[in-house]
């Protein structure tokens, strides 16, 4: 019998699929945060401007 592709093998257990998806998402978010920190260190002026812009957006946001 031929080997099933990984995606077909995972369809049998939705809990494993969900756990794998959460693991991949967590890794992606860690990488994204690391990239943001690196960019902020390399371009401090742009980071400061982005922080100020974000603060203004939060102040003017209506709940």
PDB file of N, CA and C in Angstrom:
ATOM      1  N   UNK A   1       0.851  -1.186   0.000  1.00  0.00           N
ATOM      2  CA  UNK A   1       0.000   0.000   0.000  1.00  0.00           C
ATOM      3  C   UNK A   1       0.894   1.246   0.000  1.00  0.00           C
ATOM      4  N   UNK A   2       0.625   2.218  -0.857  1.00  0.00           N
ATOM      5  CA  UNK A   2       1.475   3.415  -0.905  1.00  0.00           C
ATOM      6  C   UNK A   2       1.308   4.270   0.346  1.00  0.00           C
ATOM      7  N   UNK A   3       2.356   4.999   0.665  1.00  0.00           N
ATOM      8  CA  UNK A   3       2.299   5.891   1.824  1.00  0.00           C
ATOM      9  C   UNK A   3       1.356   7.054   1.543  1.00  0.00           C
ATOM     10  N   UNK A   4       0.580   7.397   2.557  1.00  0.00           N
ATOM     11  CA  UNK A   4      -0.336   8.529   2.412  1.00  0.00           C
ATOM     12  C   UNK A   4       0.420   9.838   2.626  1.00  0.00           C
ATOM     13  N   UNK A   5       0.040  10.872   1.910  1.00  0.00           N
ATOM     14  CA  UNK A   5       0.639  12.181   2.215  1.00  0.00           C
ATOM     15  C   UNK A   5       0.310  12.593   3.643  1.00  0.00           C
ATOM     16  N   UNK A   6       1.124  13.452   4.200  1.00  0.00           N
ATOM     17  CA  UNK A   6       0.951  13.845   5.597  1.00  0.00           C
ATOM     18  C   UNK A   6      -0.421  14.478   5.834  1.00  0.00           C
ATOM     19  N   UNK A   7      -0.905  15.282   4.881  1.00  0.00           N
ATOM     20  CA  UNK A   7      -2.195  15.953   5.073  1.00  0.00           C
ATOM     21  C   UNK A   7      -3.331  14.936   5.153  1.00  0.00           C
ATOM     22  N   UNK A   8      -3.266  13.853   4.364  1.00  0.00           N
ATOM     23  CA  UNK A   8      -4.312  12.836   4.428  1.00  0.00           C
ATOM     24  C   UNK A   8      -4.237  12.049   5.729  1.00  0.00           C
ATOM     25  N   UNK A   9      -3.039  11.821   6.210  1.00  0.00           N
ATOM     26  CA  UNK A   9      -2.871  11.048   7.436  1.00  0.00           C
ATOM     27  C   UNK A   9      -3.409  11.831   8.630  1.00  0.00           C
ATOM     28  N   UNK A  10      -3.302  13.156   8.592  1.00  0.00           N
ATOM     29  CA  UNK A  10      -3.743  13.956   9.734  1.00  0.00           C
ATOM     30  C   UNK A  10      -5.256  14.145   9.781  1.00  0.00           C
ATOM     31  N   UNK A  11      -5.959  13.870   8.706  1.00  0.00           N
ATOM     32  CA  UNK A  11      -7.411  14.079   8.695  1.00  0.00           C
ATOM     33  C   UNK A  11      -8.126  13.146   9.675  1.00  0.00           C
ATOM     34  N   UNK A  12      -7.463  12.064  10.064  1.00  0.00           N
ATOM     35  CA  UNK A  12      -8.094  11.108  10.968  1.00  0.00           C
ATOM     36  C   UNK A  12      -8.246  11.656  12.381  1.00  0.00           C
ATOM     37  N   UNK A  13      -7.364  12.553  12.809  1.00  0.00           N
ATOM     38  CA  UNK A  13      -7.415  13.047  14.186  1.00  0.00           C
ATOM     39  C   UNK A  13      -7.461  14.578  14.185  1.00  0.00           C
ATOM     40  N   UNK A  14      -8.648  15.156  14.322  1.00  0.00           N
ATOM     41  CA  UNK A  14      -8.762  16.619  14.307  1.00  0.00           C
ATOM     42  C   UNK A  14      -8.053  17.286  15.484  1.00  0.00           C
ATOM     43  N   UNK A  15      -7.938  16.597  16.623  1.00  0.00           N
ATOM     44  CA  UNK A  15      -7.259  17.182  17.781  1.00  0.00           C
ATOM     45  C   UNK A  15      -5.774  17.384  17.476  1.00  0.00           C
ATOM     46  N   UNK A  16      -5.161  16.396  16.813  1.00  0.00           N
ATOM     47  CA  UNK A  16      -3.754  16.530  16.431  1.00  0.00           C
ATOM     48  C   UNK A  16      -3.577  17.648  15.423  1.00  0.00           C
ATOM     49  N   UNK A  17      -4.505  17.733  14.474  1.00  0.00           N
ATOM     50  CA  UNK A  17      -4.441  18.772  13.451  1.00  0.00           C
ATOM     51  C   UNK A  17      -4.552  20.149  14.100  1.00  0.00           C
ATOM     52  N   UNK A  18      -5.449  20.283  15.050  1.00  0.00           N
ATOM     53  CA  UNK A  18      -5.640  21.554  15.741  1.00  0.00           C
ATOM     54  C   UNK A  18      -4.406  21.914  16.566  1.00  0.00           C
ATOM     55  N   UNK A  19      -3.839  20.938  17.241  1.00  0.00           N
ATOM     56  CA  UNK A  19      -2.637  21.173  18.038  1.00  0.00           C
ATOM     57  C   UNK A  19      -1.469  21.580  17.140  1.00  0.00           C
ATOM     58  N   UNK A  20      -1.350  20.931  16.000  1.00  0.00           N
ATOM     59  CA  UNK A  20      -0.281  21.276  15.056  1.00  0.00           C
ATOM     60  C   UNK A  20      -0.474  22.698  14.518  1.00  0.00           C
ATOM     61  N   UNK A  21      -1.712  23.046  14.204  1.00  0.00           N
ATOM     62  CA  UNK A  21      -1.999  24.387  13.707  1.00  0.00           C
ATOM     63  C   UNK A  21      -1.662  25.441  14.761  1.00  0.00           C
ATOM     64  N   UNK A  22      -2.016  25.173  16.027  1.00  0.00           N
ATOM     65  CA  UNK A  22      -1.694  26.113  17.109  1.00  0.00           C
ATOM     66  C   UNK A  22      -0.193  26.226  17.312  1.00  0.00           C
ATOM     67  N   UNK A  23       0.526  25.104  17.177  1.00  0.00           N
ATOM     68  CA  UNK A  23       1.974  25.119  17.325  1.00  0.00           C
ATOM     69  C   UNK A  23       2.627  25.954  16.219  1.00  0.00           C
ATOM     70  N   UNK A  24       2.161  25.747  14.984  1.00  0.00           N
ATOM     71  CA  UNK A  24       2.715  26.521  13.866  1.00  0.00           C
ATOM     72  C   UNK A  24       2.388  28.004  14.011  1.00  0.00           C
ATOM     73  N   UNK A  25       1.191  28.324  14.477  1.00  0.00           N
ATOM     74  CA  UNK A  25       0.793  29.725  14.670  1.00  0.00           C
ATOM     75  C   UNK A  25       1.642  30.382  15.764  1.00  0.00           C
ATOM     76  N   UNK A  26       1.867  29.663  16.851  1.00  0.00           N
ATOM     77  CA  UNK A  26       2.696  30.202  17.932  1.00  0.00           C
ATOM     78  C   UNK A  26       4.118  30.471  17.439  1.00  0.00           C
ATOM     79  N   UNK A  27       4.657  29.557  16.645  1.00  0.00           N
ATOM     80  CA  UNK A  27       5.999  29.754  16.093  1.00  0.00           C
ATOM     81  C   UNK A  27       6.023  30.970  15.174  1.00  0.00           C
ATOM     82  N   UNK A  28       4.991  31.109  14.352  1.00  0.00           N
ATOM     83  CA  UNK A  28       4.909  32.262  13.452  1.00  0.00           C
ATOM     84  C   UNK A  28       4.865  33.561  14.243  1.00  0.00           C
ATOM     85  N   UNK A  29       4.065  33.602  15.305  1.00  0.00           N
ATOM     86  CA  UNK A  29       3.951  34.825  16.098  1.00  0.00           C
ATOM     87  C   UNK A  29       5.263  35.146  16.813  1.00  0.00           C
ATOM     88  N   UNK A  30       5.988  34.113  17.271  1.00  0.00           N
ATOM     89  CA  UNK A  30       7.303  34.355  17.878  1.00  0.00           C
ATOM     90  C   UNK A  30       8.266  34.943  16.861  1.00  0.00           C
ATOM     91  N   UNK A  31       8.266  34.380  15.650  1.00  0.00           N
ATOM     92  CA  UNK A  31       9.147  34.892  14.595  1.00  0.00           C
ATOM     93  C   UNK A  31       8.780  36.326  14.226  1.00  0.00           C
ATOM     94  N   UNK A  32       7.493  36.616  14.175  1.00  0.00           N
ATOM     95  CA  UNK A  32       7.041  37.967  13.843  1.00  0.00           C
ATOM     96  C   UNK A  32       7.489  38.966  14.902  1.00  0.00           C
ATOM     97  N   UNK A  33       7.344  38.607  16.167  1.00  0.00           N
ATOM     98  CA  UNK A  33       7.774  39.493  17.254  1.00  0.00           C
ATOM     99  C   UNK A  33       9.285  39.708  17.201  1.00  0.00           C
ATOM    100  N   UNK A  34      10.024  38.655  16.901  1.00  0.00           N
ATOM    101  CA  UNK A  34      11.480  38.776  16.800  1.00  0.00           C
ATOM    102  C   UNK A  34      11.864  39.704  15.645  1.00  0.00           C
ATOM    103  N   UNK A  35      11.163  39.585  14.524  1.00  0.00           N
ATOM    104  CA  UNK A  35      11.446  40.450  13.377  1.00  0.00           C
ATOM    105  C   UNK A  35      11.132  41.905  13.708  1.00  0.00           C
ATOM    106  N   UNK A  36      10.043  42.137  14.438  1.00  0.00           N
ATOM    107  CA  UNK A  36       9.705  43.509  14.833  1.00  0.00           C
ATOM    108  C   UNK A  36      10.773  44.095  15.745  1.00  0.00           C
ATOM    109  N   UNK A  37      11.243  43.306  16.713  1.00  0.00           N
ATOM    110  CA  UNK A  37      12.289  43.783  17.619  1.00  0.00           C
ATOM    111  C   UNK A  37      13.559  44.125  16.854  1.00  0.00           C
ATOM    112  N   UNK A  38      13.920  43.274  15.910  1.00  0.00           N
ATOM    113  CA  UNK A  38      15.110  43.533  15.111  1.00  0.00           C
ATOM    114  C   UNK A  38      14.946  44.818  14.300  1.00  0.00           C
ATOM    115  N   UNK A  39      13.801  44.980  13.681  1.00  0.00           N
ATOM    116  CA  UNK A  39      13.558  46.184  12.891  1.00  0.00           C
ATOM    117  C   UNK A  39      13.599  47.432  13.770  1.00  0.00           C
ATOM    118  N   UNK A  40      13.038  47.334  14.974  1.00  0.00           N
ATOM    119  CA  UNK A  40      13.047  48.479  15.885  1.00  0.00           C
ATOM    120  C   UNK A  40      14.463  48.847  16.310  1.00  0.00           C
ATOM    121  N   UNK A  41      15.325  47.849  16.492  1.00  0.00           N
ATOM    122  CA  UNK A  41      16.719  48.139  16.854  1.00  0.00           C
ATOM    123  C   UNK A  41      17.476  48.764  15.695  1.00  0.00           C
ATOM    124  N   UNK A  42      17.185  48.303  14.483  1.00  0.00           N
ATOM    125  CA  UNK A  42      17.922  48.768  13.316  1.00  0.00           C
ATOM    126  C   UNK A  42      17.438  50.148  12.859  1.00  0.00           C
ATOM    127  N   UNK A  43      16.154  50.424  13.033  1.00  0.00           N
ATOM    128  CA  UNK A  43      15.580  51.694  12.574  1.00  0.00           C
ATOM    129  C   UNK A  43      14.851  52.380  13.728  1.00  0.00           C
ATOM    130  N   UNK A  44      15.576  52.932  14.689  1.00  0.00           N
ATOM    131  CA  UNK A  44      14.915  53.486  15.879  1.00  0.00           C
ATOM    132  C   UNK A  44      13.982  54.660  15.570  1.00  0.00           C
ATOM    133  N   UNK A  45      14.329  55.494  14.589  1.00  0.00           N
ATOM    134  CA  UNK A  45      13.466  56.635  14.280  1.00  0.00           C
ATOM    135  C   UNK A  45      12.125  56.170  13.733  1.00  0.00           C
ATOM    136  N   UNK A  46      12.167  55.192  12.843  1.00  0.00           N
ATOM    137  CA  UNK A  46      10.927  54.657  12.281  1.00  0.00           C
ATOM    138  C   UNK A  46      10.103  53.973  13.373  1.00  0.00           C
ATOM    139  N   UNK A  47      10.774  53.285  14.295  1.00  0.00           N
ATOM    140  CA  UNK A  47      10.071  52.608  15.390  1.00  0.00           C
ATOM    141  C   UNK A  47       9.379  53.625  16.291  1.00  0.00           C
ATOM    142  N   UNK A  48      10.064  54.736  16.580  1.00  0.00           N
ATOM    143  CA  UNK A  48       9.465  55.764  17.427  1.00  0.00           C
ATOM    144  C   UNK A  48       8.242  56.360  16.742  1.00  0.00           C
ATOM    145  N   UNK A  49       8.356  56.640  15.460  1.00  0.00           N
ATOM    146  CA  UNK A  49       7.225  57.185  14.707  1.00  0.00           C
ATOM    147  C   UNK A  49       6.053  56.209  14.715  1.00  0.00           C
ATOM    148  N   UNK A  50       6.344  54.926  14.551  1.00  0.00           N
ATOM    149  CA  UNK A  50       5.286  53.919  14.562  1.00  0.00           C
ATOM    150  C   UNK A  50       4.620  53.847  15.938  1.00  0.00           C
ATOM    151  N   UNK A  51       5.422  53.937  17.007  1.00  0.00           N
ATOM    152  CA  UNK A  51       4.844  53.931  18.362  1.00  0.00           C
ATOM    153  C   UNK A  51       3.932  55.126  18.575  1.00  0.00           C
ATOM    154  N   UNK A  52       4.376  56.307  18.149  1.00  0.00           N
ATOM    155  CA  UNK A  52       3.561  57.510  18.309  1.00  0.00           C
ATOM    156  C   UNK A  52       2.273  57.404  17.487  1.00  0.00           C
ATOM    157  N   UNK A  53       2.387  56.902  16.280  1.00  0.00           N
ATOM    158  CA  UNK A  53       1.205  56.740  15.425  1.00  0.00           C
ATOM    159  C   UNK A  53       0.214  55.760  16.056  1.00  0.00           C
ATOM    160  N   UNK A  54       0.744  54.666  16.598  1.00  0.00           N
ATOM    161  CA  UNK A  54      -0.122  53.678  17.243  1.00  0.00           C
ATOM    162  C   UNK A  54      -0.794  54.273  18.478  1.00  0.00           C
ATOM    163  N   UNK A  55      -0.052  55.041  19.260  1.00  0.00           N
ATOM    164  CA  UNK A  55      -0.629  55.674  20.446  1.00  0.00           C
ATOM    165  C   UNK A  55      -1.755  56.624  20.056  1.00  0.00           C
ATOM    166  N   UNK A  56      -1.555  57.400  18.990  1.00  0.00           N
ATOM    167  CA  UNK A  56      -2.602  58.314  18.522  1.00  0.00           C
ATOM    168  C   UNK A  56      -3.834  57.529  18.076  1.00  0.00           C
ATOM    169  N   UNK A  57      -3.608  56.428  17.381  1.00  0.00           N
ATOM    170  CA  UNK A  57      -4.727  55.606  16.935  1.00  0.00           C
ATOM    171  C   UNK A  57      -5.503  55.060  18.132  1.00  0.00           C
ATOM    172  N   UNK A  58      -4.783  54.663  19.181  1.00  0.00           N
ATOM    173  CA  UNK A  58      -5.457  54.123  20.361  1.00  0.00           C
ATOM    174  C   UNK A  58      -6.223  55.224  21.108  1.00  0.00           C
ATOM    175  N   UNK A  59      -5.685  56.418  21.144  1.00  0.00           N
ATOM    176  CA  UNK A  59      -6.373  57.513  21.832  1.00  0.00           C
ATOM    177  C   UNK A  59      -7.657  57.906  21.122  1.00  0.00           C
ATOM    178  N   UNK A  60      -7.658  57.830  19.806  1.00  0.00           N
ATOM    179  CA  UNK A  60      -8.833  58.302  19.052  1.00  0.00           C
ATOM    180  C   UNK A  60      -9.817  57.176  18.747  1.00  0.00           C
ATOM    181  N   UNK A  61      -9.511  55.967  19.182  1.00  0.00           N
ATOM    182  CA  UNK A  61     -10.415  54.839  18.930  1.00  0.00           C
ATOM    183  C   UNK A  61     -11.642  54.945  19.819  1.00  0.00           C
ATOM    184  N   UNK A  62     -12.806  54.722  19.232  1.00  0.00           N
ATOM    185  CA  UNK A  62     -14.052  54.777  20.017  1.00  0.00           C
ATOM    186  C   UNK A  62     -14.568  53.371  20.263  1.00  0.00           C
ATOM    187  N   UNK A  63     -14.876  53.098  21.492  1.00  0.00           N
ATOM    188  CA  UNK A  63     -15.377  51.771  21.852  1.00  0.00           C
ATOM    189  C   UNK A  63     -16.798  51.651  21.512  1.00  0.00           C
TER     190      UNK A  63
END
